[in-house]
Amino acid sequence: MTNGTEDRPWPSELRLKDAGARLAVTYDSGDVHELSAEFLRVESPSAEVKGHGPGQEVTVAGKENVRIVRLEPVGNYAVRIVFDDGHSTGLYSWDYLHRIGREADTLWARYLEALDKKGLSRR
């Protein structure tokens, strides 16, 4: 696939792995990100998770065993990820998927820290 702009990430393949426990995203650039369903769920770009403005982000707990049920293309710029807990409101743009894939370690550490501070669990 070509996206018309060389500086923007463009996925050439989205593939569910391990019965929906992981999503493998391969980009035209050759970058590959394997992201757990749990990570994608807690980093959902939805208003339910990110809020409607700065400082409104919600720490989502109890998603250790969440799975991806299906992927629904949204135009040519994003995918809706449907999770087995019923969440499906986040539209994961190609840019967003690429960014969280690159920053996964930092974002995951921040998430675990937030859980700990709030006395929440992944289970």
N, C-alpha and C. Protein backbone atom coordinates (compact mmCIF):
# COMPACT_ATOMS: atom_id res chain seq x y z
N MET A 1 0.84 -1.19 0.00
CA MET A 1 0.00 0.00 0.00
C MET A 1 0.88 1.24 0.00
N THR A 2 0.40 2.25 -0.62
CA THR A 2 1.10 3.52 -0.55
C THR A 2 0.14 4.56 -0.01
N ASN A 3 0.65 5.46 0.79
CA ASN A 3 -0.25 6.41 1.42
C ASN A 3 -0.13 7.81 0.85
N GLY A 4 0.72 8.00 -0.14
CA GLY A 4 0.83 9.30 -0.76
C GLY A 4 1.79 10.23 -0.05
N THR A 5 2.15 9.94 1.18
CA THR A 5 3.15 10.73 1.89
C THR A 5 4.14 9.78 2.51
N GLU A 6 5.39 9.94 2.17
CA GLU A 6 6.42 9.00 2.58
C GLU A 6 6.72 9.05 4.08
N ASP A 7 6.38 10.15 4.75
CA ASP A 7 6.73 10.28 6.16
C ASP A 7 5.67 9.74 7.11
N ARG A 8 4.57 9.26 6.59
CA ARG A 8 3.50 8.75 7.46
C ARG A 8 3.49 7.23 7.43
N PRO A 9 3.32 6.59 8.60
CA PRO A 9 3.29 5.13 8.63
C PRO A 9 2.03 4.60 7.96
N TRP A 10 2.18 3.51 7.24
CA TRP A 10 1.05 2.90 6.55
C TRP A 10 1.15 1.39 6.72
N PRO A 11 0.17 0.78 7.35
CA PRO A 11 0.25 -0.66 7.58
C PRO A 11 0.01 -1.45 6.29
N SER A 12 0.84 -2.45 6.07
CA SER A 12 0.62 -3.34 4.94
C SER A 12 -0.09 -4.60 5.39
N GLU A 13 -0.07 -4.86 6.73
CA GLU A 13 -0.76 -6.04 7.25
C GLU A 13 -1.13 -5.84 8.72
N LEU A 14 -2.34 -6.24 9.06
CA LEU A 14 -2.80 -6.32 10.44
C LEU A 14 -3.21 -7.78 10.63
N ARG A 15 -2.64 -8.42 11.66
CA ARG A 15 -2.92 -9.84 11.84
C ARG A 15 -3.09 -10.15 13.32
N LEU A 16 -4.20 -10.81 13.64
CA LEU A 16 -4.42 -11.27 15.01
C LEU A 16 -3.60 -12.52 15.25
N LYS A 17 -3.03 -12.61 16.44
CA LYS A 17 -2.22 -13.77 16.81
C LYS A 17 -2.69 -14.29 18.17
N ASP A 18 -2.35 -15.54 18.43
CA ASP A 18 -2.63 -16.14 19.74
C ASP A 18 -4.09 -15.97 20.15
N ALA A 19 -4.99 -16.34 19.25
CA ALA A 19 -6.44 -16.29 19.52
C ALA A 19 -6.90 -14.90 19.96
N GLY A 20 -6.33 -13.86 19.35
CA GLY A 20 -6.75 -12.50 19.65
C GLY A 20 -6.03 -11.86 20.82
N ALA A 21 -5.03 -12.53 21.36
CA ALA A 21 -4.28 -11.96 22.49
C ALA A 21 -3.27 -10.91 22.03
N ARG A 22 -2.93 -10.93 20.73
CA ARG A 22 -1.93 -10.00 20.20
C ARG A 22 -2.35 -9.54 18.81
N LEU A 23 -1.90 -8.34 18.46
CA LEU A 23 -2.08 -7.81 17.12
C LEU A 23 -0.71 -7.50 16.55
N ALA A 24 -0.41 -8.09 15.40
CA ALA A 24 0.84 -7.80 14.70
C ALA A 24 0.53 -6.78 13.61
N VAL A 25 1.25 -5.67 13.62
CA VAL A 25 1.07 -4.62 12.63
C VAL A 25 2.38 -4.48 11.87
N THR A 26 2.32 -4.71 10.56
CA THR A 26 3.49 -4.57 9.70
C THR A 26 3.28 -3.34 8.84
N TYR A 27 4.28 -2.47 8.79
CA TYR A 27 4.20 -1.22 8.03
C TYR A 27 5.01 -1.33 6.74
N ASP A 28 4.62 -0.52 5.76
CA ASP A 28 5.36 -0.46 4.49
C ASP A 28 6.84 -0.17 4.71
N SER A 29 7.14 0.56 5.77
CA SER A 29 8.52 0.92 6.08
C SER A 29 9.35 -0.28 6.53
N GLY A 30 8.67 -1.38 6.85
CA GLY A 30 9.36 -2.56 7.38
C GLY A 30 9.23 -2.68 8.88
N ASP A 31 8.78 -1.62 9.56
CA ASP A 31 8.55 -1.69 11.00
C ASP A 31 7.47 -2.72 11.29
N VAL A 32 7.66 -3.48 12.36
CA VAL A 32 6.67 -4.44 12.82
C VAL A 32 6.47 -4.22 14.31
N HIS A 33 5.23 -4.11 14.71
CA HIS A 33 4.90 -3.96 16.14
C HIS A 33 3.94 -5.07 16.49
N GLU A 34 4.25 -5.80 17.56
CA GLU A 34 3.33 -6.78 18.11
C GLU A 34 2.83 -6.22 19.42
N LEU A 35 1.54 -5.97 19.47
CA LEU A 35 0.93 -5.31 20.63
C LEU A 35 -0.09 -6.23 21.27
N SER A 36 -0.01 -6.35 22.58
CA SER A 36 -0.97 -7.22 23.27
C SER A 36 -2.36 -6.57 23.25
N ALA A 37 -3.37 -7.41 23.30
CA ALA A 37 -4.75 -6.92 23.38
C ALA A 37 -4.93 -6.07 24.62
N GLU A 38 -4.33 -6.50 25.72
CA GLU A 38 -4.44 -5.74 26.97
C GLU A 38 -3.86 -4.34 26.78
N PHE A 39 -2.68 -4.24 26.19
CA PHE A 39 -2.05 -2.93 25.96
C PHE A 39 -2.94 -2.06 25.07
N LEU A 40 -3.44 -2.63 23.98
CA LEU A 40 -4.30 -1.86 23.08
C LEU A 40 -5.58 -1.41 23.78
N ARG A 41 -6.12 -2.27 24.64
CA ARG A 41 -7.35 -1.91 25.35
C ARG A 41 -7.12 -0.77 26.32
N VAL A 42 -6.03 -0.82 27.09
CA VAL A 42 -5.79 0.22 28.09
C VAL A 42 -5.26 1.51 27.46
N GLU A 43 -4.78 1.43 26.23
CA GLU A 43 -4.33 2.62 25.50
C GLU A 43 -5.33 3.04 24.43
N SER A 44 -6.56 2.57 24.54
CA SER A 44 -7.59 2.92 23.56
C SER A 44 -7.69 4.43 23.40
N PRO A 45 -7.77 4.90 22.16
CA PRO A 45 -7.91 6.34 21.93
C PRO A 45 -9.34 6.84 22.15
N SER A 46 -10.20 6.00 22.70
CA SER A 46 -11.60 6.37 22.91
C SER A 46 -11.74 7.42 24.01
N ALA A 47 -12.85 8.14 23.98
CA ALA A 47 -13.15 9.11 25.04
C ALA A 47 -13.32 8.40 26.38
N GLU A 48 -13.80 7.15 26.36
CA GLU A 48 -13.96 6.38 27.60
C GLU A 48 -12.63 6.23 28.34
N VAL A 49 -11.54 6.11 27.60
CA VAL A 49 -10.21 5.92 28.21
C VAL A 49 -9.43 7.23 28.26
N LYS A 50 -9.40 7.97 27.17
CA LYS A 50 -8.59 9.20 27.09
C LYS A 50 -9.31 10.42 27.64
N GLY A 51 -10.62 10.32 27.85
CA GLY A 51 -11.38 11.47 28.34
C GLY A 51 -11.67 12.44 27.21
N HIS A 52 -12.23 13.57 27.59
CA HIS A 52 -12.60 14.59 26.60
C HIS A 52 -11.67 15.79 26.63
N GLY A 53 -10.64 15.71 27.42
CA GLY A 53 -9.71 16.82 27.50
C GLY A 53 -8.50 16.44 28.34
N PRO A 54 -7.54 17.34 28.42
CA PRO A 54 -6.33 17.07 29.20
C PRO A 54 -6.65 16.73 30.65
N GLY A 55 -5.94 15.74 31.17
CA GLY A 55 -6.10 15.37 32.56
C GLY A 55 -7.30 14.49 32.85
N GLN A 56 -8.03 14.07 31.84
CA GLN A 56 -9.23 13.25 32.05
C GLN A 56 -9.00 11.77 31.74
N GLU A 57 -7.78 11.38 31.47
CA GLU A 57 -7.50 9.99 31.12
C GLU A 57 -7.85 9.06 32.28
N VAL A 58 -8.42 7.92 31.95
CA VAL A 58 -8.85 6.93 32.92
C VAL A 58 -7.86 5.76 32.92
N THR A 59 -7.49 5.29 34.10
CA THR A 59 -6.66 4.09 34.19
C THR A 59 -7.59 2.89 34.18
N VAL A 60 -7.51 2.10 33.13
CA VAL A 60 -8.39 0.94 32.95
C VAL A 60 -7.73 -0.27 33.60
N ALA A 61 -8.39 -0.86 34.55
CA ALA A 61 -7.86 -2.03 35.26
C ALA A 61 -8.60 -3.30 34.83
N GLY A 62 -8.06 -4.44 35.23
CA GLY A 62 -8.74 -5.71 35.05
C GLY A 62 -8.82 -6.22 33.63
N LYS A 63 -7.86 -5.88 32.79
CA LYS A 63 -7.93 -6.28 31.38
C LYS A 63 -6.85 -7.28 30.99
N GLU A 64 -6.24 -7.92 31.97
CA GLU A 64 -5.13 -8.84 31.69
C GLU A 64 -5.49 -9.93 30.68
N ASN A 65 -6.71 -10.40 30.70
CA ASN A 65 -7.10 -11.51 29.82
C ASN A 65 -8.01 -11.10 28.66
N VAL A 66 -8.11 -9.81 28.40
CA VAL A 66 -8.96 -9.35 27.30
C VAL A 66 -8.41 -9.85 25.96
N ARG A 67 -9.30 -10.08 25.03
CA ARG A 67 -8.91 -10.54 23.69
C ARG A 67 -9.56 -9.65 22.63
N ILE A 68 -8.94 -9.63 21.48
CA ILE A 68 -9.50 -8.93 20.33
C ILE A 68 -10.41 -9.92 19.60
N VAL A 69 -11.65 -9.49 19.37
CA VAL A 69 -12.63 -10.34 18.69
C VAL A 69 -12.55 -10.14 17.18
N ARG A 70 -12.43 -8.86 16.78
CA ARG A 70 -12.33 -8.59 15.33
C ARG A 70 -11.77 -7.20 15.09
N LEU A 71 -11.35 -7.01 13.85
CA LEU A 71 -10.84 -5.72 13.37
C LEU A 71 -11.80 -5.22 12.30
N GLU A 72 -12.17 -3.95 12.38
CA GLU A 72 -13.08 -3.35 11.40
C GLU A 72 -12.41 -2.15 10.78
N PRO A 73 -12.10 -2.21 9.48
CA PRO A 73 -11.48 -1.05 8.81
C PRO A 73 -12.40 0.17 8.89
N VAL A 74 -11.78 1.33 9.07
CA VAL A 74 -12.51 2.60 9.07
C VAL A 74 -11.85 3.47 8.01
N GLY A 75 -12.53 3.59 6.87
CA GLY A 75 -11.94 4.34 5.77
C GLY A 75 -10.58 3.76 5.42
N ASN A 76 -9.67 4.64 5.06
CA ASN A 76 -8.31 4.19 4.75
C ASN A 76 -7.31 4.76 5.75
N TYR A 77 -7.79 5.10 6.95
CA TYR A 77 -6.91 5.75 7.91
C TYR A 77 -6.87 5.11 9.28
N ALA A 78 -7.75 4.13 9.55
CA ALA A 78 -7.83 3.60 10.91
C ALA A 78 -8.48 2.22 10.93
N VAL A 79 -8.46 1.64 12.13
CA VAL A 79 -9.14 0.38 12.37
C VAL A 79 -9.87 0.49 13.72
N ARG A 80 -11.06 -0.07 13.76
CA ARG A 80 -11.79 -0.19 15.02
C ARG A 80 -11.46 -1.58 15.54
N ILE A 81 -11.01 -1.63 16.79
CA ILE A 81 -10.70 -2.91 17.41
C ILE A 81 -11.84 -3.26 18.36
N VAL A 82 -12.43 -4.42 18.15
CA VAL A 82 -13.52 -4.88 18.98
C VAL A 82 -12.95 -5.92 19.95
N PHE A 83 -13.12 -5.64 21.25
CA PHE A 83 -12.59 -6.50 22.30
C PHE A 83 -13.70 -7.36 22.88
N ASP A 84 -13.31 -8.47 23.49
CA ASP A 84 -14.31 -9.38 24.04
C ASP A 84 -14.99 -8.86 25.31
N ASP A 85 -14.54 -7.72 25.83
CA ASP A 85 -15.24 -7.11 26.97
C ASP A 85 -16.31 -6.12 26.50
N GLY A 86 -16.52 -6.05 25.18
CA GLY A 86 -17.54 -5.18 24.62
C GLY A 86 -17.04 -3.82 24.16
N HIS A 87 -15.80 -3.46 24.52
CA HIS A 87 -15.26 -2.16 24.13
C HIS A 87 -14.98 -2.15 22.63
N SER A 88 -15.46 -1.10 21.94
CA SER A 88 -15.22 -1.01 20.49
C SER A 88 -15.28 0.44 20.00
N THR A 89 -15.17 1.38 20.91
CA THR A 89 -15.36 2.78 20.50
C THR A 89 -14.08 3.49 20.09
N GLY A 90 -12.93 2.88 20.28
CA GLY A 90 -11.69 3.54 19.90
C GLY A 90 -11.36 3.33 18.43
N LEU A 91 -11.04 4.40 17.73
CA LEU A 91 -10.57 4.30 16.36
C LEU A 91 -9.06 4.47 16.38
N TYR A 92 -8.35 3.41 16.05
CA TYR A 92 -6.90 3.39 16.08
C TYR A 92 -6.37 3.79 14.71
N SER A 93 -6.00 5.06 14.58
CA SER A 93 -5.44 5.53 13.31
C SER A 93 -4.09 4.87 13.08
N TRP A 94 -3.65 4.85 11.84
CA TRP A 94 -2.33 4.26 11.53
C TRP A 94 -1.25 5.00 12.30
N ASP A 95 -1.34 6.32 12.34
CA ASP A 95 -0.35 7.12 13.08
C ASP A 95 -0.35 6.75 14.57
N TYR A 96 -1.53 6.60 15.15
CA TYR A 96 -1.64 6.28 16.57
C TYR A 96 -1.05 4.90 16.85
N LEU A 97 -1.41 3.90 16.03
CA LEU A 97 -0.86 2.56 16.21
C LEU A 97 0.67 2.57 16.12
N HIS A 98 1.19 3.30 15.16
CA HIS A 98 2.64 3.36 14.98
C HIS A 98 3.29 4.03 16.18
N ARG A 99 2.69 5.12 16.66
CA ARG A 99 3.27 5.84 17.81
C ARG A 99 3.26 4.98 19.06
N ILE A 100 2.12 4.35 19.38
CA ILE A 100 2.10 3.55 20.61
C ILE A 100 2.97 2.30 20.46
N GLY A 101 3.13 1.82 19.24
CA GLY A 101 4.05 0.70 19.03
C GLY A 101 5.49 1.10 19.33
N ARG A 102 5.88 2.28 18.88
CA ARG A 102 7.24 2.78 19.14
C ARG A 102 7.44 3.10 20.61
N GLU A 103 6.40 3.56 21.29
CA GLU A 103 6.51 4.00 22.68
C GLU A 103 5.97 2.96 23.67
N ALA A 104 5.78 1.72 23.22
CA ALA A 104 5.11 0.70 24.03
C ALA A 104 5.76 0.50 25.40
N ASP A 105 7.06 0.42 25.46
CA ASP A 105 7.73 0.17 26.75
C ASP A 105 7.46 1.30 27.74
N THR A 106 7.57 2.53 27.28
CA THR A 106 7.34 3.69 28.14
C THR A 106 5.87 3.76 28.58
N LEU A 107 4.97 3.58 27.63
CA LEU A 107 3.54 3.64 27.94
C LEU A 107 3.14 2.52 28.89
N TRP A 108 3.69 1.33 28.70
CA TRP A 108 3.36 0.20 29.58
C TRP A 108 3.86 0.46 31.00
N ALA A 109 5.07 0.97 31.13
CA ALA A 109 5.62 1.28 32.45
C ALA A 109 4.77 2.34 33.15
N ARG A 110 4.34 3.34 32.41
CA ARG A 110 3.48 4.39 32.96
C ARG A 110 2.14 3.81 33.41
N TYR A 111 1.59 2.90 32.64
CA TYR A 111 0.33 2.25 32.99
C TYR A 111 0.47 1.44 34.27
N LEU A 112 1.52 0.63 34.36
CA LEU A 112 1.74 -0.19 35.56
C LEU A 112 1.93 0.69 36.80
N GLU A 113 2.61 1.80 36.64
CA GLU A 113 2.80 2.74 37.74
C GLU A 113 1.47 3.34 38.19
N ALA A 114 0.63 3.70 37.22
CA ALA A 114 -0.68 4.28 37.55
C ALA A 114 -1.55 3.26 38.28
N LEU A 115 -1.51 2.01 37.83
CA LEU A 115 -2.26 0.96 38.54
C LEU A 115 -1.82 0.85 39.97
N ASP A 116 -0.50 0.84 40.16
CA ASP A 116 0.06 0.70 41.51
C ASP A 116 -0.35 1.87 42.40
N LYS A 117 -0.22 3.08 41.89
CA LYS A 117 -0.57 4.28 42.67
C LYS A 117 -2.03 4.29 43.08
N LYS A 118 -2.90 3.73 42.22
CA LYS A 118 -4.34 3.75 42.49
C LYS A 118 -4.82 2.48 43.17
N GLY A 119 -3.89 1.56 43.45
CA GLY A 119 -4.27 0.31 44.11
C GLY A 119 -5.12 -0.60 43.23
N LEU A 120 -4.92 -0.51 41.92
CA LEU A 120 -5.68 -1.31 40.97
C LEU A 120 -4.85 -2.50 40.48
N SER A 121 -5.51 -3.43 39.83
CA SER A 121 -4.84 -4.64 39.36
C SER A 121 -5.14 -4.87 37.88
N ARG A 122 -4.23 -5.58 37.23
CA ARG A 122 -4.45 -5.99 35.84
C ARG A 122 -5.50 -7.10 35.76
N ARG A 123 -5.73 -7.79 36.83
CA ARG A 123 -6.69 -8.93 36.84
C ARG A 123 -8.10 -8.47 37.09
